[in-house]
Each structure stands twice: as C-alpha cells, then as structure tokens.
C-alpha cells in the first residue's frame, strides 16, 4: 500500500459526546436523506448443500414345505415370494444467521457532520472576522474552553435562602447597634418587635427578588455557557444548552476541558451585549443598575461575621460583568463533543 493510499484511509478519531439534541439531529438527517429515518435493519445469511444415493432391484422365488398352522392342522404349503428392492438416501445441510443493526444517535451525528462538511454547509469559526460573515440559520463548528455565565455561578451559590438570611442578619445587627438604654422593659420589647417586623419584611423581599431572578434566567431548564473563541479582537459564542439534552449527569462538565460544538446560529454578531438582554424581565434592567445591585449585595456581605480570619466576601466573588465584552453571537448547539 502506498503512502498516499494509506493517508486517505486514515479515519478521524471517534467522538465522545456529552451533549446531543437527538431530535434536531434526526430531523436534519431526514431532510438530508429526504425519506423517513431508518432506525433498525435486519440481514439474513443462509448456506447449504445436498448429497444423495439410490439403489434399485428385484428378486423372486418359489418353494414348498410342510408346516403346522395353528387351528388348521398340518398340510403342504406352497410359497412364492417376489420383492421389489428400492432404497434412496438424501442429506441436506445448511446454516442460517441473522444480524440486526440499530442506527444509534452517535451514527446519525456522524452522518450529519459528514454531509454538512462535504456540501460546504459547515463553517469553522475561530475568529471575530470569520463570525462576521455567518448569518442566522448557518451551521457552524468551533472548539473552545467554556466559561460559565457569572450570573449562573452566583445564583448557584446565592440562593433565596442565603440572601434572605443575609438581609435578616443585617437588619438585626443595625437594631442591636441602636439598642435602647432608657425606657426600661417596655422600650426593649417595642424595639425587639420593630426589629422582628423589619427583619421579616426585608427577608421576604430579598427572597422574592432572588427567586424571580432565578425564574427569569430559566436556571431549571436552560444553561448558558460562554465560548471564548478569540481574544484579540474578542469573540464570545454564547452557547444555549437545554439541560434535558445532556448525556451526562453533570452539565457543568463543560467547564472541565476543551470541547467542540456543532450548532446553528440563531442571532447575528452583536457588540457589548448586556448580560440580561435575552431575559423577559431583567432585560429592562440597565447594566449600571446591575453593577449597583451587586455592589449593594457585597456591602451587605461585609457585615456578616468573619469566617476564620477573613470576611465572607473573600470567599464569594461577586464580580459579575454587566455586558459581554466585544463581539458575541448566540448559538443553539446540536451536539457538543471532544
């Protein structure tokens, strides 16, 4: 085998898929093939052989003798016999085997990638310049190490319960600093009742706001990941993943390495997009308001007692960007693999 022939026979390395929208892959494959998707196939193989032999002949004879027959007595009996001899032997041998093939989602993904690549319908994106020429609806492929959306990380840690507890603590601490020294027992009781009412109001409000933010960001069904494809100039491919399509149990496995995405562009390139631009309610929040809210929450956390020798703010980083700096484009992934 020549070197050229061996080079063309080299197969690409198999893919290890961690995310795949199987319905989308199957739909694209059916549009490519223009017929219903084949999911199973059976093949049967048989083989056999025959062997036979035969013999024919006749024989006759006549004889006489005496014999005693039961219930008749004795007498002479004449015997004549004629026999036709014929025999045959046939043997049939054979084997049969049946194979059943199942066309898995991994195979469907392979076919879709091969077709898109061969037909020139798959664009590799590795820079902001390449992204400018890509329109919504195009298929792209890019390799990146993902960063999480900082708001997602913050909401994983800063739960409604934690925010409510911080707000309650801050109120109680302020009231303790103003603890009445005059007025006797009646003043102390009144001060404590006001403190309790104020703390409950602030806690309920903080919990409600945090719960609304989590709902608006669709944390329970959708995750956004930032694919920092290029830095100079910056290009971020915002990858929108539905949690239901992760093949693995941990959706944050995307943060552990470098992965390749096969996806469909759903929005053109934009510059310095606000973090909340695609949310229903938070899109009305100006980026400056987000910066102010984060700063206020950081100030509240400064009032929490120290953990060891450091304040709580040293352990929880609340630096969240209010904008996606530079160029960005939103992508709906069909598959993510390594």
Protein backbone atom coordinates (compact mmCIF):
# COMPACT_ATOMS: atom_id res chain seq x y z
CA UNK A 1 0.00 0.00 0.00
CA UNK A 2 1.36 3.40 -0.96
CA UNK A 3 1.74 6.29 1.42
CA UNK A 4 -0.97 8.25 -0.43
CA UNK A 5 -3.44 5.39 -0.17
CA UNK A 6 -2.74 4.85 3.50
CA UNK A 7 -3.21 8.55 4.18
CA UNK A 8 -6.67 8.58 2.62
CA UNK A 9 -7.67 5.52 4.64
CA UNK A 10 -6.92 7.19 7.96
CA UNK A 11 -10.17 7.57 9.87
CA UNK A 12 -10.93 10.56 12.09
CA UNK A 13 -10.83 9.85 15.82
CA UNK A 14 -14.18 8.77 17.33
CA UNK A 15 -16.13 11.42 19.19
CA UNK A 16 -17.04 11.32 22.87
CA UNK A 17 -20.36 13.20 23.05
CA UNK A 18 -21.56 14.83 26.26
CA UNK A 19 -24.49 16.80 24.81
CA UNK A 20 -26.73 15.95 21.86
CA UNK A 21 -30.14 17.20 20.78
CA UNK A 22 -31.21 13.89 19.24
CA UNK A 23 -34.49 15.21 17.85
CA UNK A 24 -32.71 18.00 15.97
CA UNK A 25 -30.04 15.63 14.65
CA UNK A 26 -32.71 13.16 13.44
CA UNK A 27 -34.69 15.97 11.82
CA UNK A 28 -31.68 17.31 9.93
CA UNK A 29 -30.75 13.79 8.80
CA UNK A 30 -34.24 13.16 7.41
CA UNK A 31 -34.13 16.44 5.50
CA UNK A 32 -30.78 15.44 4.05
CA UNK A 33 -31.89 11.93 3.04
CA UNK A 34 -35.40 13.07 2.04
CA UNK A 35 -37.03 9.94 3.41
CA UNK A 36 -38.02 8.63 6.87
CA UNK A 37 -35.21 7.82 9.22
CA UNK A 38 -34.13 4.18 9.28
CA UNK A 39 -33.65 3.05 12.85
CA UNK A 40 -33.21 -0.73 12.52
CA UNK A 41 -32.17 -3.17 9.80
CA UNK A 42 -32.05 -6.98 9.69
CA UNK A 43 -29.89 -9.06 7.39
CA UNK A 44 -30.12 -12.87 7.00
CA UNK A 45 -27.47 -15.10 5.50
CA UNK A 46 -28.08 -18.79 4.56
CA UNK A 47 -25.86 -21.51 3.06
CA UNK A 48 -26.39 -25.25 2.43
CA UNK A 49 -25.61 -28.38 0.38
CA UNK A 50 -27.29 -31.70 -0.69
CA UNK A 51 -25.92 -35.25 -1.18
CA UNK A 52 -27.94 -38.36 -2.24
CA UNK A 53 -27.57 -42.07 -3.33
CA UNK A 54 -30.07 -44.67 -4.69
CA UNK A 55 -30.25 -48.48 -5.43
CA UNK A 56 -32.96 -50.49 -7.33
CA UNK A 57 -33.52 -54.29 -7.94
CA UNK A 58 -35.96 -57.22 -7.91
CA UNK A 59 -35.88 -60.84 -6.55
CA UNK A 60 -38.33 -63.84 -6.83
CA UNK A 61 -38.50 -67.41 -5.55
CA UNK A 62 -40.75 -70.48 -5.11
CA UNK A 63 -40.67 -73.22 -2.52
CA UNK A 64 -42.78 -75.84 -0.78
CA UNK A 65 -42.81 -77.47 2.56
CA UNK A 66 -44.89 -78.76 5.34
CA UNK A 67 -45.94 -76.61 8.18
CA UNK A 68 -48.36 -76.85 11.06
CA UNK A 69 -50.68 -73.95 11.12
CA UNK A 70 -52.49 -73.16 14.29
CA UNK A 71 -56.17 -74.12 14.28
CA UNK A 72 -55.82 -75.73 10.78
CA UNK A 73 -53.63 -78.75 11.28
CA UNK A 74 -50.77 -79.91 9.15
CA UNK A 75 -50.55 -79.72 5.32
CA UNK A 76 -48.33 -78.84 2.42
CA UNK A 77 -47.94 -75.18 1.84
CA UNK A 78 -46.72 -73.65 -1.40
CA UNK A 79 -44.77 -70.38 -1.07
CA UNK A 80 -43.98 -67.84 -3.72
CA UNK A 81 -42.26 -64.55 -2.91
CA UNK A 82 -41.45 -61.55 -5.01
CA UNK A 83 -39.82 -58.43 -3.64
CA UNK A 84 -39.04 -55.11 -5.18
CA UNK A 85 -35.88 -53.60 -3.73
CA UNK A 86 -35.50 -49.84 -3.82
CA UNK A 87 -33.64 -47.52 -1.47
CA UNK A 88 -32.59 -43.87 -1.53
CA UNK A 89 -30.74 -41.54 0.86
CA UNK A 90 -30.66 -37.78 0.87
CA UNK A 91 -28.88 -35.43 3.30
CA UNK A 92 -29.34 -31.67 3.41
CA UNK A 93 -27.10 -29.44 5.50
CA UNK A 94 -27.36 -25.69 5.94
CA UNK A 95 -26.64 -22.75 8.25
CA UNK A 96 -28.51 -19.50 8.76
CA UNK A 97 -27.54 -16.35 10.63
CA UNK A 98 -29.41 -13.14 11.23
CA UNK A 99 -27.89 -9.78 12.10
CA UNK A 100 -29.83 -6.82 13.39
CA UNK A 101 -28.41 -3.31 13.14
CA UNK A 102 -29.55 -0.34 15.21
CA UNK A 103 -28.69 3.11 13.91
CA UNK A 104 -27.80 4.99 17.08
CA UNK A 105 -27.73 8.74 17.66
CA UNK A 106 -23.94 8.67 17.53
CA UNK A 107 -24.11 7.28 13.98
CA UNK A 108 -26.74 9.85 13.00
CA UNK A 109 -24.48 12.64 14.25
CA UNK A 110 -21.61 11.24 12.19
CA UNK A 111 -23.75 11.24 9.03
CA UNK A 112 -24.95 14.81 9.60
CA UNK A 113 -21.41 16.14 10.14
CA UNK A 114 -20.11 14.29 7.09
CA UNK A 115 -22.88 15.64 4.85
CA UNK A 116 -22.61 19.24 6.06
CA UNK A 117 -18.85 19.18 5.63
CA UNK A 118 -18.90 17.62 2.17
CA UNK A 119 -21.58 20.03 0.91
CA UNK A 120 -19.79 23.08 2.26
CA UNK A 121 -22.60 23.88 4.69
CA UNK A 122 -20.47 23.74 7.85
CA UNK A 123 -18.39 26.81 8.74
CA UNK A 124 -15.49 26.64 11.18
CA UNK A 125 -15.41 29.75 13.36
CA UNK A 126 -12.23 30.69 15.20
CA UNK A 127 -12.12 34.49 14.98
CA UNK A 128 -14.32 37.58 15.04
CA UNK A 129 -13.56 38.15 11.35
CA UNK A 130 -14.95 34.73 10.42
CA UNK A 131 -18.03 35.26 12.59
CA UNK A 132 -19.00 38.47 10.74
CA UNK A 133 -19.74 36.52 7.57
CA UNK A 134 -22.01 33.98 9.31
CA UNK A 135 -25.74 34.57 9.15
CA UNK A 136 -28.50 33.23 11.42
CA UNK A 137 -29.51 29.75 10.32
CA UNK A 138 -25.98 28.72 9.37
CA UNK A 139 -24.31 25.61 10.77
CA UNK A 140 -21.00 26.31 12.49
CA UNK A 141 -18.40 24.30 14.36
CA UNK A 142 -15.99 25.72 16.92
CA UNK A 143 -13.65 24.46 19.60
CA UNK A 144 -13.35 26.28 22.90
CA UNK A 145 -12.87 26.05 26.63
CA UNK A 146 -16.10 27.28 28.16
CA UNK A 147 -16.63 29.86 30.86
CA UNK A 148 -19.86 29.90 32.83
CA UNK A 149 -22.16 32.88 32.85
CA UNK A 150 -21.15 34.65 36.05
CA UNK A 151 -24.78 35.20 37.00
CA UNK A 152 -25.33 31.44 36.80
CA UNK A 153 -22.48 30.80 39.21
CA UNK A 154 -23.72 33.50 41.56
CA UNK A 155 -27.27 32.11 41.60
CA UNK A 156 -25.95 28.62 42.31
CA UNK A 157 -24.32 29.97 45.48
CA UNK A 158 -26.56 32.91 46.39
CA UNK A 159 -29.85 31.11 46.87
CA UNK A 160 -33.04 32.85 48.04
CA UNK A 161 -32.47 31.33 51.46
CA UNK A 162 -28.95 32.76 51.70
CA UNK A 163 -29.97 36.23 50.51
CA UNK A 164 -32.90 36.24 52.94
CA UNK A 165 -30.66 35.20 55.82
CA UNK A 166 -28.13 37.94 54.97
CA UNK A 167 -30.85 40.59 54.81
CA UNK A 168 -32.31 39.42 58.14
CA UNK A 169 -28.90 39.46 59.78
CA UNK A 170 -28.13 42.96 58.51
CA UNK A 171 -31.39 44.31 59.96
CA UNK A 172 -30.82 42.68 63.34
CA UNK A 173 -27.28 43.99 63.51
CA UNK A 174 -28.43 47.57 62.90
CA UNK A 175 -31.08 47.27 65.59
CA UNK A 176 -28.57 45.88 68.05
CA UNK A 177 -26.37 48.91 67.46
CA UNK A 178 -29.35 51.07 68.42
CA UNK A 179 -30.40 49.02 71.42
CA UNK A 180 -32.35 51.30 73.82
CA UNK A 181 -30.63 52.11 77.09
CA UNK A 182 -33.56 54.05 78.50
CA UNK A 183 -37.26 53.37 78.89
CA UNK A 184 -36.98 50.10 80.75
CA UNK A 185 -38.56 46.80 79.74
CA UNK A 186 -41.30 48.39 77.66
CA UNK A 187 -38.78 50.14 75.39
CA UNK A 188 -36.80 46.92 74.92
CA UNK A 189 -39.93 44.95 73.96
CA UNK A 190 -41.02 47.62 71.47
CA UNK A 191 -37.53 47.75 69.98
CA UNK A 192 -37.47 43.93 69.57
CA UNK A 193 -40.91 43.87 67.90
CA UNK A 194 -39.84 46.55 65.42
CA UNK A 195 -36.64 44.64 64.73
CA UNK A 196 -38.55 41.40 64.08
CA UNK A 197 -41.07 43.07 61.77
CA UNK A 198 -38.37 44.94 59.84
CA UNK A 199 -36.22 41.80 59.51
CA UNK A 200 -39.14 39.70 58.21
CA UNK A 201 -40.08 42.36 55.66
CA UNK A 202 -36.53 42.71 54.35
CA UNK A 203 -36.03 38.94 54.28
CA UNK A 204 -39.27 38.29 52.37
CA UNK A 205 -38.42 40.99 49.83
CA UNK A 206 -34.87 39.70 49.32
CA UNK A 207 -36.07 36.10 48.90
CA UNK A 208 -38.79 37.14 46.43
CA UNK A 209 -36.37 39.16 44.30
CA UNK A 210 -33.81 36.34 44.19
CA UNK A 211 -36.48 33.78 43.32
CA UNK A 212 -37.75 36.00 40.49
CA UNK A 213 -34.23 36.41 39.13
CA UNK A 214 -33.69 32.63 39.12
CA UNK A 215 -37.01 32.09 37.34
CA UNK A 216 -36.27 34.77 34.73
CA UNK A 217 -32.88 33.24 33.94
CA UNK A 218 -34.53 29.81 33.45
CA UNK A 219 -31.98 28.13 35.66
CA UNK A 220 -34.03 24.94 35.99
CA UNK A 221 -34.21 24.20 32.25
CA UNK A 222 -31.52 26.19 30.42
CA UNK A 223 -27.86 27.00 30.90
CA UNK A 224 -25.74 29.50 29.01
CA UNK A 225 -22.03 28.95 28.53
CA UNK A 226 -19.55 31.44 27.12
CA UNK A 227 -17.24 30.02 24.49
CA UNK A 228 -14.31 32.45 24.44
CA UNK A 229 -13.18 31.63 20.93
CA UNK A 230 -10.86 34.60 20.38
CA UNK A 231 -9.42 37.42 22.49
CA UNK A 232 -7.93 39.97 20.08
CA UNK A 233 -10.44 41.05 18.98
CA UNK A 234 -12.74 39.32 21.45
CA UNK A 235 -15.33 36.85 20.20
CA UNK A 236 -17.70 35.03 22.54
CA UNK A 237 -20.05 32.35 21.25
CA UNK A 238 -22.92 32.23 23.73
CA UNK A 239 -23.96 28.57 23.74
CA UNK A 240 -27.55 27.93 24.90
CA UNK A 241 -27.92 24.42 26.30
CA UNK A 242 -31.12 22.69 27.37
CA UNK A 243 -30.39 20.59 30.44
CA UNK A 244 -32.56 17.75 29.09
CA UNK A 245 -30.10 17.06 26.26
CA UNK A 246 -27.01 16.46 28.36
CA UNK A 247 -25.94 12.83 28.08
CA UNK A 248 -24.01 13.07 31.34
CA UNK A 249 -25.50 13.87 34.74
CA UNK A 250 -23.34 16.92 35.40
CA UNK A 251 -23.99 19.77 32.93
CA UNK A 252 -21.05 21.73 34.31
CA UNK A 253 -18.69 19.09 32.90
CA UNK A 254 -18.38 21.57 30.01
CA UNK A 255 -16.23 23.71 32.31
CA UNK A 256 -13.65 20.96 32.82
CA UNK A 257 -11.93 20.94 29.43
CA UNK A 258 -11.94 21.87 25.76
CA UNK A 259 -14.88 20.79 23.62
CA UNK A 260 -16.13 21.12 20.05
CA UNK A 261 -19.65 22.38 19.27
CA UNK A 262 -21.78 21.66 16.23
CA UNK A 263 -24.50 24.27 16.32
CA UNK A 264 -26.88 26.52 14.45
CA UNK A 265 -26.54 30.29 14.67
CA UNK A 266 -29.70 31.93 15.99
CA UNK A 267 -28.56 35.57 16.27
CA UNK A 268 -26.03 37.67 14.34
CA UNK A 269 -22.86 39.17 15.77
CA UNK A 270 -23.53 41.92 18.33
CA UNK A 271 -21.19 44.20 20.24
CA UNK A 272 -21.05 44.63 24.03
CA UNK A 273 -24.38 42.90 24.62
CA UNK A 274 -25.91 43.44 28.11
CA UNK A 275 -25.87 40.28 30.20
CA UNK A 276 -29.66 40.35 30.65
CA UNK A 277 -30.54 41.25 27.06
CA UNK A 278 -32.46 37.99 26.43
CA UNK A 279 -34.35 37.81 29.72
CA UNK A 280 -38.02 38.68 29.95
CA UNK A 281 -37.89 40.99 32.95
CA UNK A 282 -34.23 41.68 33.58
CA UNK A 283 -33.73 42.93 30.03
CA UNK A 284 -35.29 46.18 31.27
CA UNK A 285 -32.55 46.49 33.89
CA UNK A 286 -29.79 48.84 32.80
CA UNK A 287 -26.26 47.45 33.07
CA UNK A 288 -25.42 50.22 35.54
CA UNK A 289 -28.28 49.08 37.80
CA UNK A 290 -26.81 45.57 37.86
CA UNK A 291 -23.46 46.97 38.87
CA UNK A 292 -25.12 48.93 41.67
CA UNK A 293 -27.11 45.93 42.89
CA UNK A 294 -24.03 43.73 43.04
CA UNK A 295 -22.17 46.43 44.94
CA UNK A 296 -25.02 46.70 47.45
CA UNK A 297 -25.07 42.93 47.99
CA UNK A 298 -21.32 42.97 48.51
CA UNK A 299 -21.74 45.66 51.17
CA UNK A 300 -24.32 43.53 52.96
CA UNK A 301 -21.97 40.59 52.96
CA UNK A 302 -19.26 42.73 54.51
CA UNK A 303 -21.49 42.97 57.59
CA UNK A 304 -21.56 39.20 58.03
CA UNK A 305 -19.15 37.95 60.73
CA UNK A 306 -15.76 36.77 59.54
CA UNK A 307 -15.15 33.17 58.51
CA UNK A 308 -11.88 32.40 60.23
CA UNK A 309 -9.65 35.42 59.72
CA UNK A 310 -11.34 36.73 56.56
CA UNK A 311 -14.76 38.27 55.82
CA UNK A 312 -17.32 36.23 53.84
CA UNK A 313 -16.76 38.43 50.78
CA UNK A 314 -13.26 36.98 50.47
CA UNK A 315 -14.77 33.54 49.84
CA UNK A 316 -17.59 34.57 47.46
CA UNK A 317 -16.61 36.60 44.41
CA UNK A 318 -19.50 38.82 43.33
CA UNK A 319 -17.73 40.40 40.37
CA UNK A 320 -20.28 39.90 37.62
CA UNK A 321 -19.92 41.60 34.26
CA UNK A 322 -22.96 43.60 33.18
CA UNK A 323 -22.00 43.17 29.49
CA UNK A 324 -20.43 40.59 27.22
CA UNK A 325 -17.36 42.50 26.12
CA UNK A 326 -16.56 42.62 22.42
CA UNK A 327 -18.31 40.66 19.68
CA UNK A 328 -20.70 37.86 20.59
CA UNK A 329 -23.03 35.52 18.75
CA UNK A 330 -25.72 33.20 20.10
CA UNK A 331 -25.66 29.53 19.09
CA UNK A 332 -28.10 26.66 19.63
CA UNK A 333 -25.94 23.51 19.88
CA UNK A 334 -26.93 20.27 18.19
CA UNK A 335 -24.06 18.38 19.77
CA UNK A 336 -21.04 19.01 21.98
CA UNK A 337 -18.19 16.52 21.94
CA UNK A 338 -14.48 16.07 22.39
